């Protein structure tokens, strides 16, 4: 081997085998279950060993594809057991021997930083919400190699709050599989249905929305509306629905595990308030072929007026009613809107592109030795 070949060999160290530890929260398992399922499938297809660190009490088996080592964290969900839980997690990870950590939720950022520092591991951090909702994220300058975000609005928000990490931010769109058929108004003999999702914490935020629904009913429109969500104002909202004579038209249900099937059955999907985080249900509703009615503001990258959605003012009853009437009165327009949204998902939210981009970041992270000393595996 000549000197030039020796120099190249030094500059390009042998690629290490990936062993990934995914750190998930309850929010991840609940809101981003399909994303996690797609990611686990992609890692299994590449024969990459995976450990999933997550809370207990979830149907993890329904998400897992391929061999995955599940590590319960916290092991003891009680006050004052923080040190015990972290030490137990470190022992379990030492046995798994990860080469990389992937933090899937902002709420696990500090835990991931601590684990990365202790095990001298590189990690990537996923940020899915606008930074107004977070006072401070614990991020390691030495070990965090990439911050992944699913939308430009989140990227802009993060870079504004964390200027010194701006160069490490990369937008990777969350992927979905768009259906070949469009569900919107596809069964004329069936009562039209609408699905809305939001937290039910503030009853006042629903007054204009439910009032618009009431006037649609008064004007003779026939439909049913399912609102998926939970929150401290649920009882007050049920009283409001009764007062508006909507108790038989509008159903409040918790966020069901089978929510994708509910979305697929809906003709119209409604996002009644601006989203502070990327809304995976909006993406899945578009994939399923529902016509979307939504409001701008917050994380609204998927909402393109009269291209992927009709847009309304969430604080204007007349605007909400006009947007929904537009879909009911012009059903062929609504079906075309749903089809264009499916095409948008196929073009910009491919599952294969998402998995490929994440894997590329994993492999790059392992080569960034100056940032994160590789974990030394026992023989």
Protein backbone atom coordinates (compact mmCIF):
# COMPACT_ATOMS: atom_id res chain seq x y z
CA UNK A 1 0.00 0.00 0.00
CA UNK A 2 1.46 3.36 -1.04
CA UNK A 3 1.34 6.51 1.10
CA UNK A 4 -1.72 7.93 -0.71
CA UNK A 5 -3.68 4.75 -0.06
CA UNK A 6 -2.63 4.85 3.61
CA UNK A 7 -3.85 8.44 3.89
CA UNK A 8 -7.24 7.50 2.41
CA UNK A 9 -7.51 4.58 4.83
CA UNK A 10 -6.90 6.93 7.75
CA UNK A 11 -9.42 9.50 6.50
CA UNK A 12 -12.18 6.92 5.93
CA UNK A 13 -12.45 4.62 8.94
CA UNK A 14 -14.34 1.37 8.54
CA UNK A 15 -18.09 1.83 8.95
CA UNK A 16 -19.31 0.43 12.24
CA UNK A 17 -22.38 -1.77 12.50
CA UNK A 18 -25.40 0.23 13.56
CA UNK A 19 -27.13 -0.63 16.82
CA UNK A 20 -29.87 1.91 17.52
CA UNK A 21 -31.63 2.73 20.77
CA UNK A 22 -34.89 4.61 20.17
CA UNK A 23 -36.04 6.69 23.15
CA UNK A 24 -39.81 7.22 23.08
CA UNK A 25 -42.35 8.89 25.34
CA UNK A 26 -46.01 8.17 25.93
CA UNK A 27 -46.73 10.98 23.47
CA UNK A 28 -44.64 9.18 20.82
CA UNK A 29 -46.48 5.90 21.28
CA UNK A 30 -49.85 7.62 21.20
CA UNK A 31 -49.56 10.35 18.57
CA UNK A 32 -46.72 9.04 16.39
CA UNK A 33 -47.46 5.32 16.44
CA UNK A 34 -47.52 4.97 12.63
CA UNK A 35 -44.27 6.91 12.26
CA UNK A 36 -42.62 4.62 14.80
CA UNK A 37 -44.04 1.56 13.08
CA UNK A 38 -42.68 2.70 9.70
CA UNK A 39 -39.27 3.46 11.23
CA UNK A 40 -39.05 0.07 12.97
CA UNK A 41 -40.01 -1.67 9.73
CA UNK A 42 -37.29 0.20 7.84
CA UNK A 43 -34.67 -0.67 10.46
CA UNK A 44 -35.74 -4.33 10.40
CA UNK A 45 -35.44 -4.39 6.61
CA UNK A 46 -31.83 -3.22 7.02
CA UNK A 47 -31.20 -5.86 9.73
CA UNK A 48 -30.29 -3.14 12.23
CA UNK A 49 -30.58 -4.22 15.90
CA UNK A 50 -32.98 -1.95 17.78
CA UNK A 51 -33.80 -1.28 21.42
CA UNK A 52 -37.01 0.65 22.10
CA UNK A 53 -36.97 2.57 25.39
CA UNK A 54 -40.55 3.50 26.28
CA UNK A 55 -43.09 3.68 29.13
CA UNK A 56 -45.00 0.60 30.22
CA UNK A 57 -48.71 0.07 29.63
CA UNK A 58 -48.89 0.24 25.83
CA UNK A 59 -49.62 -2.38 23.20
CA UNK A 60 -46.06 -2.31 21.92
CA UNK A 61 -46.41 -5.62 20.06
CA UNK A 62 -48.80 -4.01 17.57
CA UNK A 63 -46.09 -1.50 16.57
CA UNK A 64 -43.09 -3.78 16.37
CA UNK A 65 -41.84 -5.30 13.14
CA UNK A 66 -38.80 -7.52 13.41
CA UNK A 67 -36.65 -8.22 16.47
CA UNK A 68 -36.80 -5.29 18.89
CA UNK A 69 -35.58 -5.29 22.48
CA UNK A 70 -38.12 -3.38 24.56
CA UNK A 71 -36.76 -1.56 27.61
CA UNK A 72 -39.30 -0.12 30.05
CA UNK A 73 -38.54 3.41 31.23
CA UNK A 74 -39.31 4.46 33.85
CA UNK A 75 -39.13 1.03 35.47
CA UNK A 76 -40.75 2.46 38.62
CA UNK A 77 -43.07 5.36 37.85
CA UNK A 78 -42.93 6.96 41.29
CA UNK A 79 -41.51 10.16 42.70
CA UNK A 80 -37.90 10.00 43.98
CA UNK A 81 -37.05 7.00 41.76
CA UNK A 82 -35.37 9.10 39.05
CA UNK A 83 -31.79 8.04 39.86
CA UNK A 84 -32.77 4.39 40.16
CA UNK A 85 -34.58 4.46 36.81
CA UNK A 86 -31.66 6.14 35.01
CA UNK A 87 -29.07 3.73 36.45
CA UNK A 88 -31.21 0.73 35.54
CA UNK A 89 -31.60 2.10 32.01
CA UNK A 90 -27.83 2.61 31.70
CA UNK A 91 -27.21 -1.00 32.78
CA UNK A 92 -29.69 -2.33 30.21
CA UNK A 93 -28.24 -0.21 27.45
CA UNK A 94 -24.73 -1.35 28.33
CA UNK A 95 -25.88 -4.91 27.71
CA UNK A 96 -27.54 -3.96 24.42
CA UNK A 97 -24.39 -2.06 23.30
CA UNK A 98 -25.93 0.70 21.15
CA UNK A 99 -23.80 2.73 18.77
CA UNK A 100 -26.38 5.50 18.46
CA UNK A 101 -29.33 7.00 20.33
CA UNK A 102 -32.40 8.48 18.65
CA UNK A 103 -34.58 10.68 20.88
CA UNK A 104 -38.11 10.68 19.42
CA UNK A 105 -39.70 13.32 21.66
CA UNK A 106 -38.69 16.65 23.17
CA UNK A 107 -39.82 15.43 26.59
CA UNK A 108 -37.01 12.85 26.49
CA UNK A 109 -34.30 15.31 25.37
CA UNK A 110 -32.73 15.73 28.82
CA UNK A 111 -32.74 11.98 29.49
CA UNK A 112 -31.12 11.31 26.12
CA UNK A 113 -28.44 13.94 26.77
CA UNK A 114 -27.60 12.34 30.12
CA UNK A 115 -27.41 8.84 28.64
CA UNK A 116 -25.29 10.02 25.71
CA UNK A 117 -22.88 11.78 28.05
CA UNK A 118 -22.53 8.77 30.32
CA UNK A 119 -22.05 6.22 27.51
CA UNK A 120 -20.10 8.56 25.20
CA UNK A 121 -22.59 7.99 22.37
CA UNK A 122 -23.70 10.18 19.47
CA UNK A 123 -27.41 10.86 19.20
CA UNK A 124 -30.00 12.50 16.99
CA UNK A 125 -32.92 14.47 18.39
CA UNK A 126 -36.40 14.67 16.86
CA UNK A 127 -38.31 17.93 17.44
CA UNK A 128 -41.98 17.92 16.40
CA UNK A 129 -43.38 21.10 17.94
CA UNK A 130 -42.88 24.85 17.87
CA UNK A 131 -40.41 26.07 20.46
CA UNK A 132 -42.93 28.31 22.20
CA UNK A 133 -44.05 25.19 24.04
CA UNK A 134 -40.58 24.47 25.46
CA UNK A 135 -38.66 26.69 27.87
CA UNK A 136 -35.38 24.93 27.25
CA UNK A 137 -34.27 21.70 25.61
CA UNK A 138 -31.28 19.92 27.09
CA UNK A 139 -29.05 19.34 24.07
CA UNK A 140 -25.44 18.16 24.17
CA UNK A 141 -23.10 20.16 21.93
CA UNK A 142 -20.63 17.28 21.99
CA UNK A 143 -22.95 14.36 21.32
CA UNK A 144 -26.04 15.61 19.48
CA UNK A 145 -25.12 15.33 15.80
CA UNK A 146 -28.46 16.18 14.18
CA UNK A 147 -31.82 17.72 15.04
CA UNK A 148 -34.56 16.28 12.82
CA UNK A 149 -37.75 18.27 12.24
CA UNK A 150 -40.84 17.26 10.20
CA UNK A 151 -41.82 20.72 8.92
CA UNK A 152 -40.28 23.99 7.78
CA UNK A 153 -42.31 25.97 10.33
CA UNK A 154 -40.76 23.90 13.13
CA UNK A 155 -37.30 24.28 11.61
CA UNK A 156 -37.65 28.07 11.49
CA UNK A 157 -38.93 28.16 15.08
CA UNK A 158 -36.13 25.95 16.39
CA UNK A 159 -33.35 27.80 14.57
CA UNK A 160 -34.63 31.10 15.97
CA UNK A 161 -34.50 29.74 19.52
CA UNK A 162 -31.26 27.73 19.20
CA UNK A 163 -28.99 29.65 16.85
CA UNK A 164 -25.88 27.69 17.83
CA UNK A 165 -27.56 24.42 16.70
CA UNK A 166 -29.00 25.79 13.45
CA UNK A 167 -26.44 24.05 11.24
CA UNK A 168 -27.39 20.68 12.70
CA UNK A 169 -31.10 21.02 11.88
CA UNK A 170 -32.49 19.00 8.98
CA UNK A 171 -36.06 18.72 7.77
CA UNK A 172 -37.14 15.11 7.22
CA UNK A 173 -40.79 14.82 6.32
CA UNK A 174 -42.75 12.15 8.17
CA UNK A 175 -43.85 9.50 5.70
CA UNK A 176 -47.22 7.94 5.00
CA UNK A 177 -48.76 5.55 2.49
CA UNK A 178 -51.48 7.30 0.45
CA UNK A 179 -54.44 5.12 -0.47
CA UNK A 180 -55.17 4.47 -4.13
CA UNK A 181 -58.83 5.43 -3.68
CA UNK A 182 -60.39 8.61 -2.27
CA UNK A 183 -62.81 8.12 0.61
CA UNK A 184 -64.37 11.57 0.45
CA UNK A 185 -68.10 11.38 -0.43
CA UNK A 186 -67.52 8.00 -2.07
CA UNK A 187 -70.74 6.42 -0.74
CA UNK A 188 -73.77 8.56 -1.64
CA UNK A 189 -76.17 6.25 0.22
CA UNK A 190 -74.29 6.63 3.53
CA UNK A 191 -74.73 9.58 5.89
CA UNK A 192 -71.71 11.89 5.43
CA UNK A 193 -69.29 11.91 8.35
CA UNK A 194 -66.74 14.39 9.61
CA UNK A 195 -63.83 13.79 11.99
CA UNK A 196 -62.14 16.49 14.07
CA UNK A 197 -59.24 16.16 16.51
CA UNK A 198 -58.02 18.52 19.20
CA UNK A 199 -57.37 18.70 22.92
CA UNK A 200 -60.49 19.40 24.94
CA UNK A 201 -58.90 21.70 27.51
CA UNK A 202 -60.69 24.96 26.74
CA UNK A 203 -64.42 24.96 26.04
CA UNK A 204 -64.35 28.55 24.76
CA UNK A 205 -62.18 27.49 21.82
CA UNK A 206 -65.02 25.28 20.53
CA UNK A 207 -67.90 27.74 20.81
CA UNK A 208 -67.58 29.17 17.28
CA UNK A 209 -66.90 25.73 15.83
CA UNK A 210 -69.92 24.05 17.42
CA UNK A 211 -72.11 27.06 16.62
CA UNK A 212 -71.13 26.70 12.95
CA UNK A 213 -72.01 22.99 13.11
CA UNK A 214 -75.38 23.88 14.65
CA UNK A 215 -76.23 26.29 11.83
CA UNK A 216 -75.29 23.69 9.21
CA UNK A 217 -77.75 21.33 10.87
CA UNK A 218 -80.46 24.02 10.98
CA UNK A 219 -79.96 24.70 7.27
CA UNK A 220 -80.74 21.06 6.51
CA UNK A 221 -77.30 19.49 6.09
CA UNK A 222 -77.26 15.90 7.29
CA UNK A 223 -74.05 14.48 8.74
CA UNK A 224 -72.40 13.10 11.83
CA UNK A 225 -69.32 14.55 13.51
CA UNK A 226 -66.82 12.66 15.67
CA UNK A 227 -64.46 14.77 17.78
CA UNK A 228 -61.46 12.77 19.02
CA UNK A 229 -59.65 14.18 22.02
CA UNK A 230 -59.60 14.53 25.76
CA UNK A 231 -59.09 17.28 28.32
CA UNK A 232 -60.37 18.99 31.40
CA UNK A 233 -63.21 20.79 29.55
CA UNK A 234 -64.85 17.61 28.27
CA UNK A 235 -67.80 17.75 30.67
CA UNK A 236 -68.40 21.42 29.88
CA UNK A 237 -68.30 20.66 26.15
CA UNK A 238 -70.89 17.91 26.52
CA UNK A 239 -73.18 20.41 28.25
CA UNK A 240 -72.56 22.87 25.40
CA UNK A 241 -73.49 20.24 22.80
CA UNK A 242 -76.72 19.51 24.67
CA UNK A 243 -77.56 23.22 24.86
CA UNK A 244 -76.99 23.55 21.09
CA UNK A 245 -79.12 20.47 20.36
CA UNK A 246 -76.10 18.67 18.92
CA UNK A 247 -75.87 15.74 21.33
CA UNK A 248 -77.14 13.31 18.68
CA UNK A 249 -75.06 14.83 15.87
CA UNK A 250 -71.67 15.31 17.56
CA UNK A 251 -69.87 12.53 19.45
CA UNK A 252 -66.88 13.15 21.72
CA UNK A 253 -64.53 10.19 21.98
CA UNK A 254 -61.00 9.77 23.38
CA UNK A 255 -58.09 9.37 20.98
CA UNK A 256 -58.69 5.77 19.95
CA UNK A 257 -55.89 3.35 19.12
CA UNK A 258 -57.65 2.53 15.83
CA UNK A 259 -57.85 6.18 14.79
CA UNK A 260 -56.54 5.56 11.28
CA UNK A 261 -59.60 3.43 10.50
CA UNK A 262 -61.84 6.22 11.78
CA UNK A 263 -60.04 8.74 9.58
CA UNK A 264 -60.40 6.45 6.56
CA UNK A 265 -64.15 6.24 7.16
CA UNK A 266 -64.58 10.02 7.30
CA UNK A 267 -65.55 12.15 4.32
CA UNK A 268 -64.14 15.35 5.85
CA UNK A 269 -61.32 15.88 8.34
CA UNK A 270 -61.34 19.10 10.38
CA UNK A 271 -58.45 20.70 12.25
CA UNK A 272 -60.41 23.29 14.26
CA UNK A 273 -57.48 25.13 15.87
CA UNK A 274 -53.90 25.99 14.80
CA UNK A 275 -51.54 23.14 15.65
CA UNK A 276 -48.57 23.81 17.94
CA UNK A 277 -46.97 20.56 16.78
CA UNK A 278 -46.89 18.51 13.61
CA UNK A 279 -50.27 16.78 13.38
CA UNK A 280 -49.82 13.16 12.19
CA UNK A 281 -53.60 12.73 12.07
CA UNK A 282 -53.84 15.49 9.46
CA UNK A 283 -51.24 13.69 7.36
CA UNK A 284 -53.06 10.36 7.71
CA UNK A 285 -56.43 11.93 6.88
CA UNK A 286 -54.94 13.28 3.67
CA UNK A 287 -53.42 9.87 2.94
CA UNK A 288 -56.79 8.19 3.46
CA UNK A 289 -58.47 10.51 0.96
CA UNK A 290 -60.57 12.73 3.23
CA UNK A 291 -61.24 16.32 2.24
CA UNK A 292 -59.58 18.63 4.76
CA UNK A 293 -60.93 21.79 6.37
CA UNK A 294 -58.36 23.54 8.56
CA UNK A 295 -57.02 26.86 9.78
CA UNK A 296 -53.67 28.45 9.12
CA UNK A 297 -51.18 29.28 11.85
CA UNK A 298 -48.84 27.18 13.91
CA UNK A 299 -47.52 24.10 12.10
CA UNK A 300 -49.52 24.50 8.90
CA UNK A 301 -47.10 23.23 6.26
CA UNK A 302 -49.59 20.64 4.96
CA UNK A 303 -52.40 23.18 4.65
CA UNK A 304 -52.29 24.69 1.16
CA UNK A 305 -55.46 26.67 0.50
CA UNK A 306 -57.70 25.09 -2.16
CA UNK A 307 -54.90 22.67 -3.04
CA UNK A 308 -54.83 20.31 -0.07
CA UNK A 309 -57.48 21.94 2.15
CA UNK A 310 -60.15 24.58 2.48
CA UNK A 311 -59.07 27.22 4.98
CA UNK A 312 -61.16 29.01 7.60
CA UNK A 313 -60.68 31.46 10.46
CA UNK A 314 -61.01 29.43 13.70
CA UNK A 315 -62.42 32.46 15.58
CA UNK A 316 -65.06 33.29 12.97
CA UNK A 317 -68.22 31.18 12.95
CA UNK A 318 -69.23 32.40 9.49
CA UNK A 319 -65.81 31.48 8.07
CA UNK A 320 -65.98 27.98 9.56
CA UNK A 321 -69.49 27.44 8.22
CA UNK A 322 -68.56 28.73 4.76
CA UNK A 323 -65.57 26.39 4.55
CA UNK A 324 -67.62 23.31 5.43
CA UNK A 325 -70.51 24.35 3.15
CA UNK A 326 -68.04 24.63 0.30
CA UNK A 327 -67.18 20.95 0.73
CA UNK A 328 -70.79 19.78 1.11
CA UNK A 329 -72.19 21.91 -1.72
CA UNK A 330 -69.36 21.15 -4.16
CA UNK A 331 -68.66 17.49 -3.54
CA UNK A 332 -66.74 17.00 -6.78
CA UNK A 333 -64.46 19.87 -5.72
CA UNK A 334 -64.08 18.18 -2.32
CA UNK A 335 -63.10 14.89 -3.97
CA UNK A 336 -60.55 16.65 -6.19
CA UNK A 337 -59.16 18.44 -3.14
CA UNK A 338 -58.77 15.09 -1.39
CA UNK A 339 -57.10 13.56 -4.44
CA UNK A 340 -54.64 16.47 -4.75
CA UNK A 341 -53.78 16.06 -1.06
CA UNK A 342 -53.05 12.36 -1.66
CA UNK A 343 -50.79 13.29 -4.57
CA UNK A 344 -49.03 15.80 -2.32
CA UNK A 345 -48.43 13.09 0.29
CA UNK A 346 -47.03 10.72 -2.34
CA UNK A 347 -44.65 13.41 -3.63
CA UNK A 348 -43.47 14.94 -0.36
CA UNK A 349 -44.12 12.35 2.38
CA UNK A 350 -42.80 9.07 1.05
CA UNK A 351 -42.10 6.47 3.75
CA UNK A 352 -39.09 5.14 1.84
CA UNK A 353 -37.58 8.63 1.54
CA UNK A 354 -38.14 9.25 5.25
CA UNK A 355 -36.46 6.01 6.31
CA UNK A 356 -33.60 6.53 3.86
CA UNK A 357 -32.92 10.05 5.18
CA UNK A 358 -32.99 8.89 8.80
CA UNK A 359 -30.62 6.01 8.07
CA UNK A 360 -28.24 8.38 6.30
CA UNK A 361 -28.16 10.57 9.41
CA UNK A 362 -27.55 7.54 11.62
CA UNK A 363 -24.52 6.51 9.57
CA UNK A 364 -23.16 10.05 9.43
CA UNK A 365 -23.52 10.34 13.20
CA UNK A 366 -21.30 7.31 13.75
CA UNK A 367 -18.52 8.89 11.70
CA UNK A 368 -18.49 12.13 13.70
CA UNK A 369 -15.82 10.95 16.14
CA UNK A 370 -14.72 14.45 17.23
CA UNK A 371 -18.27 15.16 18.39
CA UNK A 372 -19.01 11.86 20.07
CA UNK A 373 -16.52 9.23 21.05
CA UNK A 374 -17.81 5.85 19.93
CA UNK A 375 -18.98 3.52 22.66
CA UNK A 376 -16.39 0.81 23.22
CA UNK A 377 -17.99 -2.63 22.96
CA UNK A 378 -16.71 -5.39 25.20
CA UNK A 379 -15.22 -8.31 23.37
